[in-house]
């Protein structure tokens, strides 16, 4: 998968769509995001195992929320992912 795919399916784009349009992502986008998330986790530094598991847990919750059409839970998981990403990037600078 190229960088374009990763950019296209970035978490922030999913968040923007959910927050501004008040709609779920297009069909298949969340599944592609989950696939990229698992690929990312496989290549992560082993010392980040706990953090990556937390990320994957939130990502899977996001997928379930979309699948079950639970929009409030979907937005909640996006916020959790954003908050965790910000903290992680701050911690590992």
N, C-alpha and C. Protein backbone atom coordinates (compact mmCIF):
# COMPACT_ATOMS: atom_id res chain seq x y z
N UNK A 1 0.84 -1.18 0.00
CA UNK A 1 0.00 0.00 0.00
C UNK A 1 0.88 1.24 0.00
N UNK A 2 0.54 2.18 -0.86
CA UNK A 2 1.35 3.38 -0.97
C UNK A 2 0.99 4.42 0.07
N UNK A 3 1.83 5.46 0.14
CA UNK A 3 1.60 6.55 1.08
C UNK A 3 0.26 7.24 0.81
N UNK A 4 -0.16 7.28 -0.46
CA UNK A 4 -1.44 7.92 -0.79
C UNK A 4 -2.58 7.22 -0.08
N UNK A 5 -2.55 5.87 -0.07
CA UNK A 5 -3.60 5.12 0.60
C UNK A 5 -3.62 5.43 2.09
N UNK A 6 -2.45 5.48 2.69
CA UNK A 6 -2.36 5.75 4.12
C UNK A 6 -2.87 7.15 4.44
N UNK A 7 -2.51 8.11 3.59
CA UNK A 7 -2.98 9.48 3.80
C UNK A 7 -4.49 9.54 3.62
N UNK A 8 -4.98 8.90 2.57
CA UNK A 8 -6.41 8.92 2.29
C UNK A 8 -7.22 8.35 3.44
N UNK A 9 -6.68 7.35 4.11
CA UNK A 9 -7.42 6.67 5.16
C UNK A 9 -6.97 7.05 6.55
N UNK A 10 -6.33 8.19 6.66
CA UNK A 10 -5.82 8.59 7.96
C UNK A 10 -6.94 8.74 8.98
N UNK A 11 -6.59 8.54 10.22
CA UNK A 11 -7.56 8.65 11.29
C UNK A 11 -8.19 10.04 11.32
N UNK A 12 -7.41 11.06 11.05
CA UNK A 12 -7.96 12.41 11.11
C UNK A 12 -8.99 12.64 10.02
N UNK A 13 -8.82 12.04 8.85
CA UNK A 13 -9.84 12.18 7.82
C UNK A 13 -11.13 11.51 8.26
N UNK A 14 -11.02 10.33 8.86
CA UNK A 14 -12.22 9.67 9.38
C UNK A 14 -12.87 10.53 10.44
N UNK A 15 -12.06 11.12 11.30
CA UNK A 15 -12.59 11.98 12.36
C UNK A 15 -13.27 13.20 11.77
N UNK A 16 -12.63 13.83 10.78
CA UNK A 16 -13.21 15.01 10.16
C UNK A 16 -14.57 14.69 9.54
N UNK A 17 -14.63 13.57 8.86
CA UNK A 17 -15.90 13.20 8.23
C UNK A 17 -16.96 12.97 9.28
N UNK A 18 -16.62 12.29 10.35
CA UNK A 18 -17.60 12.00 11.40
C UNK A 18 -18.04 13.26 12.11
N UNK A 19 -17.10 14.14 12.41
CA UNK A 19 -17.42 15.34 13.18
C UNK A 19 -18.13 16.40 12.35
N UNK A 20 -17.70 16.63 11.13
CA UNK A 20 -18.26 17.73 10.36
C UNK A 20 -19.49 17.34 9.55
N UNK A 21 -19.52 16.12 9.06
CA UNK A 21 -20.66 15.71 8.25
C UNK A 21 -21.70 14.96 9.07
N UNK A 22 -21.33 14.60 10.28
CA UNK A 22 -22.23 13.81 11.14
C UNK A 22 -22.69 12.55 10.40
N UNK A 23 -21.74 11.89 9.77
CA UNK A 23 -22.05 10.68 9.00
C UNK A 23 -20.91 9.68 9.16
N UNK A 24 -21.25 8.42 8.96
CA UNK A 24 -20.22 7.39 8.97
C UNK A 24 -19.37 7.51 7.71
N UNK A 25 -18.14 6.99 7.77
CA UNK A 25 -17.29 6.99 6.57
C UNK A 25 -17.93 6.15 5.46
N UNK A 26 -17.42 6.33 4.26
CA UNK A 26 -17.89 5.53 3.13
C UNK A 26 -17.62 4.05 3.42
N UNK A 27 -18.46 3.21 2.83
CA UNK A 27 -18.31 1.77 3.02
C UNK A 27 -16.90 1.32 2.64
N UNK A 28 -16.31 0.55 3.47
CA UNK A 28 -14.99 0.00 3.21
C UNK A 28 -13.84 0.82 3.79
N UNK A 29 -14.04 2.10 4.06
CA UNK A 29 -12.94 2.93 4.56
C UNK A 29 -12.49 2.49 5.96
N UNK A 30 -13.42 2.17 6.82
CA UNK A 30 -13.03 1.75 8.18
C UNK A 30 -12.29 0.42 8.11
N UNK A 31 -12.75 -0.50 7.25
CA UNK A 31 -12.06 -1.78 7.11
C UNK A 31 -10.63 -1.57 6.61
N UNK A 32 -10.44 -0.68 5.65
CA UNK A 32 -9.08 -0.39 5.17
C UNK A 32 -8.24 0.22 6.28
N UNK A 33 -8.85 1.10 7.07
CA UNK A 33 -8.14 1.70 8.20
C UNK A 33 -7.72 0.61 9.21
N UNK A 34 -8.61 -0.34 9.48
CA UNK A 34 -8.27 -1.42 10.41
C UNK A 34 -7.13 -2.27 9.87
N UNK A 35 -7.16 -2.56 8.59
CA UNK A 35 -6.09 -3.34 7.98
C UNK A 35 -4.76 -2.60 8.08
N UNK A 36 -4.76 -1.29 7.80
CA UNK A 36 -3.53 -0.50 7.93
C UNK A 36 -3.06 -0.44 9.38
N UNK A 37 -3.99 -0.37 10.30
CA UNK A 37 -3.64 -0.34 11.73
C UNK A 37 -2.93 -1.61 12.15
N UNK A 38 -3.43 -2.74 11.70
CA UNK A 38 -2.78 -4.02 12.04
C UNK A 38 -1.42 -4.14 11.37
N UNK A 39 -1.31 -3.65 10.15
CA UNK A 39 -0.01 -3.64 9.47
C UNK A 39 0.98 -2.76 10.23
N UNK A 40 0.54 -1.60 10.64
CA UNK A 40 1.36 -0.68 11.42
C UNK A 40 1.81 -1.34 12.72
N UNK A 41 0.91 -2.01 13.40
CA UNK A 41 1.23 -2.66 14.68
C UNK A 41 2.28 -3.76 14.50
N UNK A 42 2.19 -4.49 13.39
CA UNK A 42 3.17 -5.56 13.14
C UNK A 42 4.59 -5.01 13.00
N UNK A 43 4.70 -3.77 12.54
CA UNK A 43 6.02 -3.17 12.30
C UNK A 43 6.48 -2.26 13.44
N UNK A 44 5.67 -2.14 14.45
CA UNK A 44 6.01 -1.25 15.57
C UNK A 44 7.14 -1.83 16.41
N UNK A 45 7.85 -0.94 17.05
CA UNK A 45 8.91 -1.32 17.97
C UNK A 45 8.31 -2.21 19.07
N UNK A 46 8.94 -3.34 19.37
CA UNK A 46 8.40 -4.23 20.41
C UNK A 46 8.21 -3.55 21.77
N UNK A 47 8.97 -2.52 22.05
CA UNK A 47 8.82 -1.84 23.34
C UNK A 47 7.51 -1.05 23.43
N UNK A 48 6.82 -0.91 22.31
CA UNK A 48 5.54 -0.18 22.28
C UNK A 48 4.35 -1.13 22.34
N UNK A 49 4.57 -2.37 22.73
CA UNK A 49 3.52 -3.38 22.67
C UNK A 49 2.23 -2.95 23.40
N UNK A 50 2.35 -2.45 24.60
CA UNK A 50 1.16 -2.06 25.37
C UNK A 50 0.42 -0.91 24.68
N UNK A 51 1.16 0.06 24.20
CA UNK A 51 0.55 1.20 23.52
C UNK A 51 -0.13 0.77 22.22
N UNK A 52 0.52 -0.11 21.50
CA UNK A 52 -0.06 -0.58 20.25
C UNK A 52 -1.32 -1.41 20.51
N UNK A 53 -1.32 -2.19 21.58
CA UNK A 53 -2.51 -2.97 21.89
C UNK A 53 -3.68 -2.05 22.24
N UNK A 54 -3.40 -0.99 22.98
CA UNK A 54 -4.44 -0.01 23.30
C UNK A 54 -4.98 0.63 22.02
N UNK A 55 -4.08 1.00 21.13
CA UNK A 55 -4.48 1.58 19.84
C UNK A 55 -5.36 0.60 19.06
N UNK A 56 -4.94 -0.66 18.98
CA UNK A 56 -5.72 -1.64 18.25
C UNK A 56 -7.07 -1.88 18.89
N UNK A 57 -7.12 -1.88 20.21
CA UNK A 57 -8.40 -2.05 20.91
C UNK A 57 -9.37 -0.93 20.53
N UNK A 58 -8.89 0.31 20.57
CA UNK A 58 -9.74 1.44 20.19
C UNK A 58 -10.12 1.36 18.71
N UNK A 59 -9.19 0.94 17.87
CA UNK A 59 -9.49 0.81 16.45
C UNK A 59 -10.57 -0.24 16.21
N UNK A 60 -10.47 -1.36 16.90
CA UNK A 60 -11.48 -2.41 16.75
C UNK A 60 -12.85 -1.92 17.27
N UNK A 61 -12.83 -1.18 18.37
CA UNK A 61 -14.09 -0.60 18.87
C UNK A 61 -14.70 0.34 17.84
N UNK A 62 -13.85 1.12 17.19
CA UNK A 62 -14.30 2.02 16.14
C UNK A 62 -14.97 1.22 15.02
N UNK A 63 -14.35 0.14 14.63
CA UNK A 63 -14.92 -0.71 13.58
C UNK A 63 -16.25 -1.31 13.99
N UNK A 64 -16.35 -1.78 15.22
CA UNK A 64 -17.62 -2.34 15.70
C UNK A 64 -18.71 -1.28 15.75
N UNK A 65 -18.34 -0.08 16.20
CA UNK A 65 -19.32 1.00 16.28
C UNK A 65 -19.86 1.32 14.88
N UNK A 66 -18.99 1.35 13.90
CA UNK A 66 -19.42 1.63 12.53
C UNK A 66 -20.30 0.49 12.01
N UNK A 67 -19.86 -0.73 12.23
CA UNK A 67 -20.62 -1.89 11.78
C UNK A 67 -22.01 -1.94 12.41
N UNK A 68 -22.10 -1.58 13.68
CA UNK A 68 -23.38 -1.60 14.40
C UNK A 68 -24.17 -0.30 14.26
N UNK A 69 -23.59 0.64 13.50
CA UNK A 69 -24.23 1.95 13.25
C UNK A 69 -24.50 2.71 14.54
N UNK A 70 -23.54 2.66 15.46
CA UNK A 70 -23.60 3.37 16.73
C UNK A 70 -22.76 4.64 16.60
N UNK A 71 -23.39 5.69 16.11
CA UNK A 71 -22.65 6.90 15.77
C UNK A 71 -22.00 7.56 16.98
N UNK A 72 -22.70 7.64 18.10
CA UNK A 72 -22.10 8.26 19.29
C UNK A 72 -20.86 7.50 19.74
N UNK A 73 -20.93 6.18 19.71
CA UNK A 73 -19.76 5.37 20.08
C UNK A 73 -18.64 5.55 19.06
N UNK A 74 -18.99 5.65 17.80
CA UNK A 74 -18.00 5.88 16.75
C UNK A 74 -17.23 7.17 17.02
N UNK A 75 -17.95 8.25 17.29
CA UNK A 75 -17.30 9.53 17.59
C UNK A 75 -16.48 9.44 18.87
N UNK A 76 -16.97 8.71 19.87
CA UNK A 76 -16.25 8.54 21.13
C UNK A 76 -14.90 7.86 20.86
N UNK A 77 -14.91 6.81 20.07
CA UNK A 77 -13.65 6.09 19.77
C UNK A 77 -12.70 6.97 18.97
N UNK A 78 -13.22 7.78 18.07
CA UNK A 78 -12.35 8.71 17.34
C UNK A 78 -11.67 9.68 18.29
N UNK A 79 -12.43 10.20 19.25
CA UNK A 79 -11.82 11.10 20.24
C UNK A 79 -10.77 10.38 21.06
N UNK A 80 -11.07 9.15 21.49
CA UNK A 80 -10.09 8.38 22.25
C UNK A 80 -8.81 8.15 21.44
N UNK A 81 -8.97 7.81 20.17
CA UNK A 81 -7.80 7.61 19.31
C UNK A 81 -7.00 8.89 19.15
N UNK A 82 -7.68 10.00 18.96
CA UNK A 82 -6.99 11.28 18.81
C UNK A 82 -6.23 11.64 20.09
N UNK A 83 -6.89 11.51 21.22
CA UNK A 83 -6.25 11.82 22.50
C UNK A 83 -5.04 10.93 22.75
N UNK A 84 -5.18 9.65 22.47
CA UNK A 84 -4.07 8.72 22.70
C UNK A 84 -2.93 9.00 21.74
N UNK A 85 -3.27 9.30 20.49
CA UNK A 85 -2.24 9.61 19.51
C UNK A 85 -1.45 10.83 19.95
N UNK A 86 -2.14 11.87 20.39
CA UNK A 86 -1.45 13.08 20.84
C UNK A 86 -0.54 12.79 22.02
N UNK A 87 -1.01 12.02 22.98
CA UNK A 87 -0.19 11.68 24.14
C UNK A 87 1.00 10.81 23.74
N UNK A 88 0.78 9.87 22.87
CA UNK A 88 1.85 8.99 22.43
C UNK A 88 2.94 9.77 21.69
N UNK A 89 2.53 10.63 20.79
CA UNK A 89 3.52 11.42 20.05
C UNK A 89 4.29 12.36 20.98
N UNK A 90 3.62 12.88 21.97
CA UNK A 90 4.28 13.74 22.97
C UNK A 90 5.28 12.91 23.79
N UNK A 91 4.88 11.71 24.20
CA UNK A 91 5.73 10.86 25.03
C UNK A 91 6.97 10.36 24.29
N UNK A 92 6.85 10.12 22.98
CA UNK A 92 7.94 9.48 22.24
C UNK A 92 8.73 10.45 21.38
N UNK A 93 8.60 11.75 21.61
CA UNK A 93 9.40 12.72 20.85
C UNK A 93 10.83 12.66 21.28
